[in-house]
Amino acid sequence: MALLVFFITGIALWHFTVFLPDHFWQGIVGAFLGAVLGAVIFGMIVQEVSGKSLGDTNLGTALTAVPGVAIGLGVVYLLGVRSEQNLD
């Protein structure tokens, strides 16, 4: 159940990338992949380190995915900026 929460949190926060300049690697689809993968991977790591199973959910489970979304979007954004600079 926690995996679903991480995934949905990634999608929910991905919607806010429409307010950012479109420098993401592969555009909005790349931003989607970065947000979702960042949320799921970071959330699973935190869930396992804290000793909880992937079936345990609470409000903190959704909040756990937020830094992962930020990290995932940041990586995809930096990759996009770097690829744009290489084209010039």
PDB file of N, CA and C in Angstrom:
ATOM      1  N   MET A   1       0.813  -1.185   0.000  1.00  0.00           N
ATOM      2  CA  MET A   1       0.000   0.000   0.000  1.00  0.00           C
ATOM      3  C   MET A   1       0.865   1.261   0.000  1.00  0.00           C
ATOM      4  N   ALA A   2       2.013   1.197   0.696  1.00  0.00           N
ATOM      5  CA  ALA A   2       2.890   2.357   0.741  1.00  0.00           C
ATOM      6  C   ALA A   2       3.441   2.675  -0.648  1.00  0.00           C
ATOM      7  N   LEU A   3       3.680   1.654  -1.443  1.00  0.00           N
ATOM      8  CA  LEU A   3       4.175   1.868  -2.796  1.00  0.00           C
ATOM      9  C   LEU A   3       3.174   2.677  -3.611  1.00  0.00           C
ATOM     10  N   LEU A   4       1.899   2.391  -3.453  1.00  0.00           N
ATOM     11  CA  LEU A   4       0.853   3.149  -4.129  1.00  0.00           C
ATOM     12  C   LEU A   4       0.830   4.592  -3.644  1.00  0.00           C
ATOM     13  N   VAL A   5       1.012   4.799  -2.355  1.00  0.00           N
ATOM     14  CA  VAL A   5       1.033   6.157  -1.795  1.00  0.00           C
ATOM     15  C   VAL A   5       2.212   6.941  -2.363  1.00  0.00           C
ATOM     16  N   PHE A   6       3.383   6.307  -2.453  1.00  0.00           N
ATOM     17  CA  PHE A   6       4.550   6.988  -3.022  1.00  0.00           C
ATOM     18  C   PHE A   6       4.293   7.366  -4.478  1.00  0.00           C
ATOM     19  N   PHE A   7       3.727   6.452  -5.237  1.00  0.00           N
ATOM     20  CA  PHE A   7       3.447   6.680  -6.646  1.00  0.00           C
ATOM     21  C   PHE A   7       2.463   7.838  -6.829  1.00  0.00           C
ATOM     22  N   ILE A   8       1.386   7.824  -6.077  1.00  0.00           N
ATOM     23  CA  ILE A   8       0.365   8.869  -6.197  1.00  0.00           C
ATOM     24  C   ILE A   8       0.902  10.222  -5.742  1.00  0.00           C
ATOM     25  N   THR A   9       1.729  10.240  -4.712  1.00  0.00           N
ATOM     26  CA  THR A   9       2.330  11.495  -4.255  1.00  0.00           C
ATOM     27  C   THR A   9       3.249  12.059  -5.337  1.00  0.00           C
ATOM     28  N   GLY A  10       4.000  11.195  -5.999  1.00  0.00           N
ATOM     29  CA  GLY A  10       4.852  11.637  -7.102  1.00  0.00           C
ATOM     30  C   GLY A  10       4.048  12.247  -8.233  1.00  0.00           C
ATOM     31  N   ILE A  11       2.936  11.617  -8.576  1.00  0.00           N
ATOM     32  CA  ILE A  11       2.074  12.156  -9.644  1.00  0.00           C
ATOM     33  C   ILE A  11       1.462  13.489  -9.213  1.00  0.00           C
ATOM     34  N   ALA A  12       1.024  13.571  -7.973  1.00  0.00           N
ATOM     35  CA  ALA A  12       0.387  14.799  -7.496  1.00  0.00           C
ATOM     36  C   ALA A  12       1.353  15.980  -7.537  1.00  0.00           C
ATOM     37  N   LEU A  13       2.578  15.760  -7.101  1.00  0.00           N
ATOM     38  CA  LEU A  13       3.543  16.853  -7.099  1.00  0.00           C
ATOM     39  C   LEU A  13       4.100  17.139  -8.485  1.00  0.00           C
ATOM     40  N   TRP A  14       4.060  16.162  -9.372  1.00  0.00           N
ATOM     41  CA  TRP A  14       4.499  16.355 -10.744  1.00  0.00           C
ATOM     42  C   TRP A  14       3.650  17.405 -11.452  1.00  0.00           C
ATOM     43  N   HIS A  15       2.389  17.503 -11.093  1.00  0.00           N
ATOM     44  CA  HIS A  15       1.502  18.471 -11.737  1.00  0.00           C
ATOM     45  C   HIS A  15       1.996  19.902 -11.567  1.00  0.00           C
ATOM     46  N   PHE A  16       2.762  20.171 -10.533  1.00  0.00           N
ATOM     47  CA  PHE A  16       3.247  21.529 -10.296  1.00  0.00           C
ATOM     48  C   PHE A  16       4.434  21.891 -11.186  1.00  0.00           C
ATOM     49  N   THR A  17       4.965  20.943 -11.953  1.00  0.00           N
ATOM     50  CA  THR A  17       6.073  21.264 -12.847  1.00  0.00           C
ATOM     51  C   THR A  17       5.622  22.133 -14.006  1.00  0.00           C
ATOM     52  N   VAL A  18       4.337  22.292 -14.185  1.00  0.00           N
ATOM     53  CA  VAL A  18       3.843  23.159 -15.251  1.00  0.00           C
ATOM     54  C   VAL A  18       4.226  24.619 -14.966  1.00  0.00           C
ATOM     55  N   PHE A  19       4.523  24.957 -13.724  1.00  0.00           N
ATOM     56  CA  PHE A  19       4.905  26.313 -13.362  1.00  0.00           C
ATOM     57  C   PHE A  19       6.409  26.562 -13.510  1.00  0.00           C
ATOM     58  N   LEU A  20       7.174  25.538 -13.849  1.00  0.00           N
ATOM     59  CA  LEU A  20       8.616  25.661 -13.998  1.00  0.00           C
ATOM     60  C   LEU A  20       8.981  25.773 -15.475  1.00  0.00           C
ATOM     61  N   PRO A  21      10.121  26.386 -15.775  1.00  0.00           N
ATOM     62  CA  PRO A  21      10.566  26.406 -17.174  1.00  0.00           C
ATOM     63  C   PRO A  21      10.788  24.974 -17.678  1.00  0.00           C
ATOM     64  N   ASP A  22      10.484  24.756 -18.934  1.00  0.00           N
ATOM     65  CA  ASP A  22      10.561  23.402 -19.480  1.00  0.00           C
ATOM     66  C   ASP A  22      11.978  23.089 -19.935  1.00  0.00           C
ATOM     67  N   HIS A  23      12.845  22.810 -18.967  1.00  0.00           N
ATOM     68  CA  HIS A  23      14.211  22.407 -19.268  1.00  0.00           C
ATOM     69  C   HIS A  23      14.450  20.969 -18.817  1.00  0.00           C
ATOM     70  N   PHE A  24      13.386  20.232 -18.559  1.00  0.00           N
ATOM     71  CA  PHE A  24      13.517  18.855 -18.109  1.00  0.00           C
ATOM     72  C   PHE A  24      14.009  17.971 -19.253  1.00  0.00           C
ATOM     73  N   TRP A  25      14.790  16.955 -18.902  1.00  0.00           N
ATOM     74  CA  TRP A  25      15.219  15.978 -19.890  1.00  0.00           C
ATOM     75  C   TRP A  25      13.972  15.271 -20.421  1.00  0.00           C
ATOM     76  N   GLN A  26      13.792  15.271 -21.714  1.00  0.00           N
ATOM     77  CA  GLN A  26      12.641  14.675 -22.395  1.00  0.00           C
ATOM     78  C   GLN A  26      11.319  15.373 -22.056  1.00  0.00           C
ATOM     79  N   GLY A  27      11.388  16.610 -21.642  1.00  0.00           N
ATOM     80  CA  GLY A  27      10.185  17.419 -21.432  1.00  0.00           C
ATOM     81  C   GLY A  27       9.344  16.982 -20.246  1.00  0.00           C
ATOM     82  N   ILE A  28       8.050  17.084 -20.412  1.00  0.00           N
ATOM     83  CA  ILE A  28       7.122  16.815 -19.313  1.00  0.00           C
ATOM     84  C   ILE A  28       7.078  15.323 -18.975  1.00  0.00           C
ATOM     85  N   VAL A  29       7.347  14.474 -19.961  1.00  0.00           N
ATOM     86  CA  VAL A  29       7.379  13.023 -19.707  1.00  0.00           C
ATOM     87  C   VAL A  29       8.583  12.677 -18.843  1.00  0.00           C
ATOM     88  N   GLY A  30       9.717  13.313 -19.104  1.00  0.00           N
ATOM     89  CA  GLY A  30      10.895  13.113 -18.266  1.00  0.00           C
ATOM     90  C   GLY A  30      10.662  13.598 -16.848  1.00  0.00           C
ATOM     91  N   ALA A  31       9.947  14.720 -16.714  1.00  0.00           N
ATOM     92  CA  ALA A  31       9.615  15.222 -15.384  1.00  0.00           C
ATOM     93  C   ALA A  31       8.711  14.233 -14.652  1.00  0.00           C
ATOM     94  N   PHE A  32       7.776  13.641 -15.375  1.00  0.00           N
ATOM     95  CA  PHE A  32       6.899  12.629 -14.777  1.00  0.00           C
ATOM     96  C   PHE A  32       7.707  11.436 -14.266  1.00  0.00           C
ATOM     97  N   LEU A  33       8.598  10.945 -15.104  1.00  0.00           N
ATOM     98  CA  LEU A  33       9.419   9.798 -14.699  1.00  0.00           C
ATOM     99  C   LEU A  33      10.312  10.142 -13.514  1.00  0.00           C
ATOM    100  N   GLY A  34      10.901  11.332 -13.523  1.00  0.00           N
ATOM    101  CA  GLY A  34      11.748  11.747 -12.409  1.00  0.00           C
ATOM    102  C   GLY A  34      10.976  11.857 -11.115  1.00  0.00           C
ATOM    103  N   ALA A  35       9.779  12.433 -11.171  1.00  0.00           N
ATOM    104  CA  ALA A  35       8.965  12.605  -9.967  1.00  0.00           C
ATOM    105  C   ALA A  35       8.518  11.261  -9.404  1.00  0.00           C
ATOM    106  N   VAL A  36       8.031  10.400 -10.258  1.00  0.00           N
ATOM    107  CA  VAL A  36       7.503   9.115  -9.796  1.00  0.00           C
ATOM    108  C   VAL A  36       8.629   8.197  -9.313  1.00  0.00           C
ATOM    109  N   LEU A  37       9.686   8.083 -10.098  1.00  0.00           N
ATOM    110  CA  LEU A  37      10.789   7.207  -9.690  1.00  0.00           C
ATOM    111  C   LEU A  37      11.488   7.734  -8.442  1.00  0.00           C
ATOM    112  N   GLY A  38      11.660   9.048  -8.349  1.00  0.00           N
ATOM    113  CA  GLY A  38      12.264   9.622  -7.152  1.00  0.00           C
ATOM    114  C   GLY A  38      11.432   9.352  -5.909  1.00  0.00           C
ATOM    115  N   ALA A  39      10.117   9.521  -6.029  1.00  0.00           N
ATOM    116  CA  ALA A  39       9.235   9.277  -4.891  1.00  0.00           C
ATOM    117  C   ALA A  39       9.243   7.814  -4.469  1.00  0.00           C
ATOM    118  N   VAL A  40       9.161   6.922  -5.437  1.00  0.00           N
ATOM    119  CA  VAL A  40       9.094   5.489  -5.120  1.00  0.00           C
ATOM    120  C   VAL A  40      10.416   4.986  -4.540  1.00  0.00           C
ATOM    121  N   ILE A  41      11.518   5.333  -5.172  1.00  0.00           N
ATOM    122  CA  ILE A  41      12.817   4.839  -4.703  1.00  0.00           C
ATOM    123  C   ILE A  41      13.154   5.409  -3.331  1.00  0.00           C
ATOM    124  N   PHE A  42      13.014   6.716  -3.172  1.00  0.00           N
ATOM    125  CA  PHE A  42      13.323   7.337  -1.881  1.00  0.00           C
ATOM    126  C   PHE A  42      12.375   6.840  -0.797  1.00  0.00           C
ATOM    127  N   GLY A  43      11.097   6.738  -1.133  1.00  0.00           N
ATOM    128  CA  GLY A  43      10.118   6.255  -0.163  1.00  0.00           C
ATOM    129  C   GLY A  43      10.382   4.830   0.277  1.00  0.00           C
ATOM    130  N   MET A  44      10.749   3.963  -0.658  1.00  0.00           N
ATOM    131  CA  MET A  44      11.038   2.574  -0.300  1.00  0.00           C
ATOM    132  C   MET A  44      12.283   2.484   0.577  1.00  0.00           C
ATOM    133  N   ILE A  45      13.290   3.298   0.283  1.00  0.00           N
ATOM    134  CA  ILE A  45      14.499   3.291   1.110  1.00  0.00           C
ATOM    135  C   ILE A  45      14.176   3.720   2.528  1.00  0.00           C
ATOM    136  N   VAL A  46      13.442   4.808   2.680  1.00  0.00           N
ATOM    137  CA  VAL A  46      13.091   5.294   4.020  1.00  0.00           C
ATOM    138  C   VAL A  46      12.204   4.296   4.745  1.00  0.00           C
ATOM    139  N   GLN A  47      11.270   3.694   4.034  1.00  0.00           N
ATOM    140  CA  GLN A  47      10.359   2.719   4.640  1.00  0.00           C
ATOM    141  C   GLN A  47      11.123   1.506   5.162  1.00  0.00           C
ATOM    142  N   GLU A  48      12.092   1.029   4.392  1.00  0.00           N
ATOM    143  CA  GLU A  48      12.872  -0.133   4.805  1.00  0.00           C
ATOM    144  C   GLU A  48      13.820   0.205   5.958  1.00  0.00           C
ATOM    145  N   VAL A  49      14.457   1.373   5.897  1.00  0.00           N
ATOM    146  CA  VAL A  49      15.389   1.771   6.962  1.00  0.00           C
ATOM    147  C   VAL A  49      14.659   1.969   8.286  1.00  0.00           C
ATOM    148  N   SER A  50      13.442   2.486   8.220  1.00  0.00           N
ATOM    149  CA  SER A  50      12.676   2.711   9.447  1.00  0.00           C
ATOM    150  C   SER A  50      12.079   1.419  10.009  1.00  0.00           C
ATOM    151  N   GLY A  51      12.179   0.315   9.275  1.00  0.00           N
ATOM    152  CA  GLY A  51      11.705  -0.970   9.770  1.00  0.00           C
ATOM    153  C   GLY A  51      10.237  -1.242   9.520  1.00  0.00           C
ATOM    154  N   LYS A  52       9.597  -0.404   8.731  1.00  0.00           N
ATOM    155  CA  LYS A  52       8.183  -0.613   8.421  1.00  0.00           C
ATOM    156  C   LYS A  52       8.059  -1.464   7.166  1.00  0.00           C
ATOM    157  N   SER A  53       6.965  -2.189   7.076  1.00  0.00           N
ATOM    158  CA  SER A  53       6.719  -2.956   5.857  1.00  0.00           C
ATOM    159  C   SER A  53       6.091  -2.044   4.812  1.00  0.00           C
ATOM    160  N   LEU A  54       6.038  -2.503   3.580  1.00  0.00           N
ATOM    161  CA  LEU A  54       5.438  -1.699   2.526  1.00  0.00           C
ATOM    162  C   LEU A  54       3.919  -1.678   2.627  1.00  0.00           C
ATOM    163  N   GLY A  55       3.350  -2.381   3.585  1.00  0.00           N
ATOM    164  CA  GLY A  55       1.911  -2.358   3.799  1.00  0.00           C
ATOM    165  C   GLY A  55       1.481  -1.337   4.833  1.00  0.00           C
ATOM    166  N   ASP A  56       2.432  -0.827   5.628  1.00  0.00           N
ATOM    167  CA  ASP A  56       2.107   0.158   6.656  1.00  0.00           C
ATOM    168  C   ASP A  56       2.021   1.549   6.042  1.00  0.00           C
ATOM    169  N   THR A  57       0.866   2.198   6.226  1.00  0.00           N
ATOM    170  CA  THR A  57       0.700   3.554   5.707  1.00  0.00           C
ATOM    171  C   THR A  57       0.099   4.447   6.772  1.00  0.00           C
ATOM    172  N   ASN A  58       0.481   5.707   6.698  1.00  0.00           N
ATOM    173  CA  ASN A  58      -0.116   6.773   7.501  1.00  0.00           C
ATOM    174  C   ASN A  58       0.189   8.080   6.792  1.00  0.00           C
ATOM    175  N   LEU A  59      -0.101   9.197   7.420  1.00  0.00           N
ATOM    176  CA  LEU A  59       0.138  10.480   6.779  1.00  0.00           C
ATOM    177  C   LEU A  59       1.625  10.694   6.526  1.00  0.00           C
ATOM    178  N   GLY A  60       2.457  10.208   7.420  1.00  0.00           N
ATOM    179  CA  GLY A  60       3.901  10.327   7.241  1.00  0.00           C
ATOM    180  C   GLY A  60       4.414   9.600   6.012  1.00  0.00           C
ATOM    181  N   THR A  61       3.708   8.578   5.583  1.00  0.00           N
ATOM    182  CA  THR A  61       4.103   7.830   4.390  1.00  0.00           C
ATOM    183  C   THR A  61       4.049   8.730   3.154  1.00  0.00           C
ATOM    184  N   ALA A  62       2.994   9.519   3.051  1.00  0.00           N
ATOM    185  CA  ALA A  62       2.873  10.442   1.921  1.00  0.00           C
ATOM    186  C   ALA A  62       3.922  11.543   1.998  1.00  0.00           C
ATOM    187  N   LEU A  63       4.195  12.023   3.200  1.00  0.00           N
ATOM    188  CA  LEU A  63       5.188  13.079   3.359  1.00  0.00           C
ATOM    189  C   LEU A  63       6.609  12.578   3.111  1.00  0.00           C
ATOM    190  N   THR A  64       6.821  11.302   3.292  1.00  0.00           N
ATOM    191  CA  THR A  64       8.134  10.711   3.042  1.00  0.00           C
ATOM    192  C   THR A  64       8.516  10.819   1.574  1.00  0.00           C
ATOM    193  N   ALA A  65       7.562  10.783   0.682  1.00  0.00           N
ATOM    194  CA  ALA A  65       7.843  10.804  -0.749  1.00  0.00           C
ATOM    195  C   ALA A  65       8.216  12.189  -1.259  1.00  0.00           C
ATOM    196  N   VAL A  66       7.905  13.234  -0.529  1.00  0.00           N
ATOM    197  CA  VAL A  66       8.129  14.599  -1.017  1.00  0.00           C
ATOM    198  C   VAL A  66       9.611  14.887  -1.300  1.00  0.00           C
ATOM    199  N   PRO A  67      10.540  14.579  -0.397  1.00  0.00           N
ATOM    200  CA  PRO A  67      11.947  14.819  -0.747  1.00  0.00           C
ATOM    201  C   PRO A  67      12.414  13.986  -1.946  1.00  0.00           C
ATOM    202  N   GLY A  68      11.877  12.797  -2.088  1.00  0.00           N
ATOM    203  CA  GLY A  68      12.221  11.970  -3.239  1.00  0.00           C
ATOM    204  C   GLY A  68      11.762  12.585  -4.542  1.00  0.00           C
ATOM    205  N   VAL A  69      10.589  13.191  -4.531  1.00  0.00           N
ATOM    206  CA  VAL A  69      10.093  13.880  -5.725  1.00  0.00           C
ATOM    207  C   VAL A  69      11.017  15.044  -6.068  1.00  0.00           C
ATOM    208  N   ALA A  70      11.412  15.807  -5.057  1.00  0.00           N
ATOM    209  CA  ALA A  70      12.305  16.947  -5.289  1.00  0.00           C
ATOM    210  C   ALA A  70      13.660  16.484  -5.844  1.00  0.00           C
ATOM    211  N   ILE A  71      14.188  15.408  -5.308  1.00  0.00           N
ATOM    212  CA  ILE A  71      15.467  14.889  -5.790  1.00  0.00           C
ATOM    213  C   ILE A  71      15.326  14.387  -7.225  1.00  0.00           C
ATOM    214  N   GLY A  72      14.275  13.623  -7.493  1.00  0.00           N
ATOM    215  CA  GLY A  72      14.055  13.095  -8.840  1.00  0.00           C
ATOM    216  C   GLY A  72      13.869  14.194  -9.869  1.00  0.00           C
ATOM    217  N   LEU A  73      13.077  15.211  -9.536  1.00  0.00           N
ATOM    218  CA  LEU A  73      12.871  16.320 -10.462  1.00  0.00           C
ATOM    219  C   LEU A  73      14.153  17.115 -10.651  1.00  0.00           C
ATOM    220  N   GLY A  74      14.918  17.278  -9.581  1.00  0.00           N
ATOM    221  CA  GLY A  74      16.178  18.009  -9.685  1.00  0.00           C
ATOM    222  C   GLY A  74      17.163  17.317 -10.609  1.00  0.00           C
ATOM    223  N   VAL A  75      17.252  16.004 -10.501  1.00  0.00           N
ATOM    224  CA  VAL A  75      18.168  15.244 -11.359  1.00  0.00           C
ATOM    225  C   VAL A  75      17.746  15.355 -12.820  1.00  0.00           C
ATOM    226  N   VAL A  76      16.469  15.191 -13.088  1.00  0.00           N
ATOM    227  CA  VAL A  76      15.980  15.252 -14.467  1.00  0.00           C
ATOM    228  C   VAL A  76      16.126  16.672 -15.023  1.00  0.00           C
ATOM    229  N   TYR A  77      15.927  17.670 -14.195  1.00  0.00           N
ATOM    230  CA  TYR A  77      16.085  19.061 -14.623  1.00  0.00           C
ATOM    231  C   TYR A  77      17.548  19.347 -14.978  1.00  0.00           C
ATOM    232  N   LEU A  78      18.468  18.905 -14.111  1.00  0.00           N
ATOM    233  CA  LEU A  78      19.887  19.133 -14.383  1.00  0.00           C
ATOM    234  C   LEU A  78      20.340  18.394 -15.644  1.00  0.00           C
ATOM    235  N   LEU A  79      19.829  17.196 -15.870  1.00  0.00           N
ATOM    236  CA  LEU A  79      20.144  16.471 -17.096  1.00  0.00           C
ATOM    237  C   LEU A  79      19.637  17.222 -18.330  1.00  0.00           C
ATOM    238  N   GLY A  80      18.463  17.806 -18.214  1.00  0.00           N
ATOM    239  CA  GLY A  80      17.905  18.569 -19.330  1.00  0.00           C
ATOM    240  C   GLY A  80      18.690  19.831 -19.618  1.00  0.00           C
ATOM    241  N   VAL A  81      19.077  20.558 -18.590  1.00  0.00           N
ATOM    242  CA  VAL A  81      19.872  21.770 -18.765  1.00  0.00           C
ATOM    243  C   VAL A  81      21.227  21.423 -19.374  1.00  0.00           C
ATOM    244  N   ARG A  82      21.805  20.336 -18.898  1.00  0.00           N
ATOM    245  CA  ARG A  82      23.115  19.921 -19.411  1.00  0.00           C
ATOM    246  C   ARG A  82      23.020  19.527 -20.891  1.00  0.00           C
ATOM    247  N   SER A  83      21.972  18.817 -21.275  1.00  0.00           N
ATOM    248  CA  SER A  83      21.836  18.421 -22.678  1.00  0.00           C
ATOM    249  C   SER A  83      21.557  19.629 -23.577  1.00  0.00           C
ATOM    250  N   GLU A  84      20.851  20.645 -23.051  1.00  0.00           N
ATOM    251  CA  GLU A  84      20.617  21.861 -23.833  1.00  0.00           C
ATOM    252  C   GLU A  84      21.907  22.639 -24.038  1.00  0.00           C
ATOM    253  N   GLN A  85      22.774  22.646 -23.049  1.00  0.00           N
ATOM    254  CA  GLN A  85      24.050  23.361 -23.189  1.00  0.00           C
ATOM    255  C   GLN A  85      24.956  22.652 -24.185  1.00  0.00           C
ATOM    256  N   ASN A  86      24.855  21.345 -24.279  1.00  0.00           N
ATOM    257  CA  ASN A  86      25.684  20.598 -25.218  1.00  0.00           C
ATOM    258  C   ASN A  86      25.235  20.830 -26.664  1.00  0.00           C
ATOM    259  N   LEU A  87      23.979  21.203 -26.860  1.00  0.00           N
ATOM    260  CA  LEU A  87      23.471  21.442 -28.204  1.00  0.00           C
ATOM    261  C   LEU A  87      23.938  22.777 -28.763  1.00  0.00           C
ATOM    262  N   ASP A  88      24.242  23.708 -27.881  1.00  0.00           N
ATOM    263  CA  ASP A  88      24.654  25.053 -28.348  1.00  0.00           C
ATOM    264  C   ASP A  88      26.030  25.090 -28.898  1.00  0.00           C
TER     265      ASP A  88
END
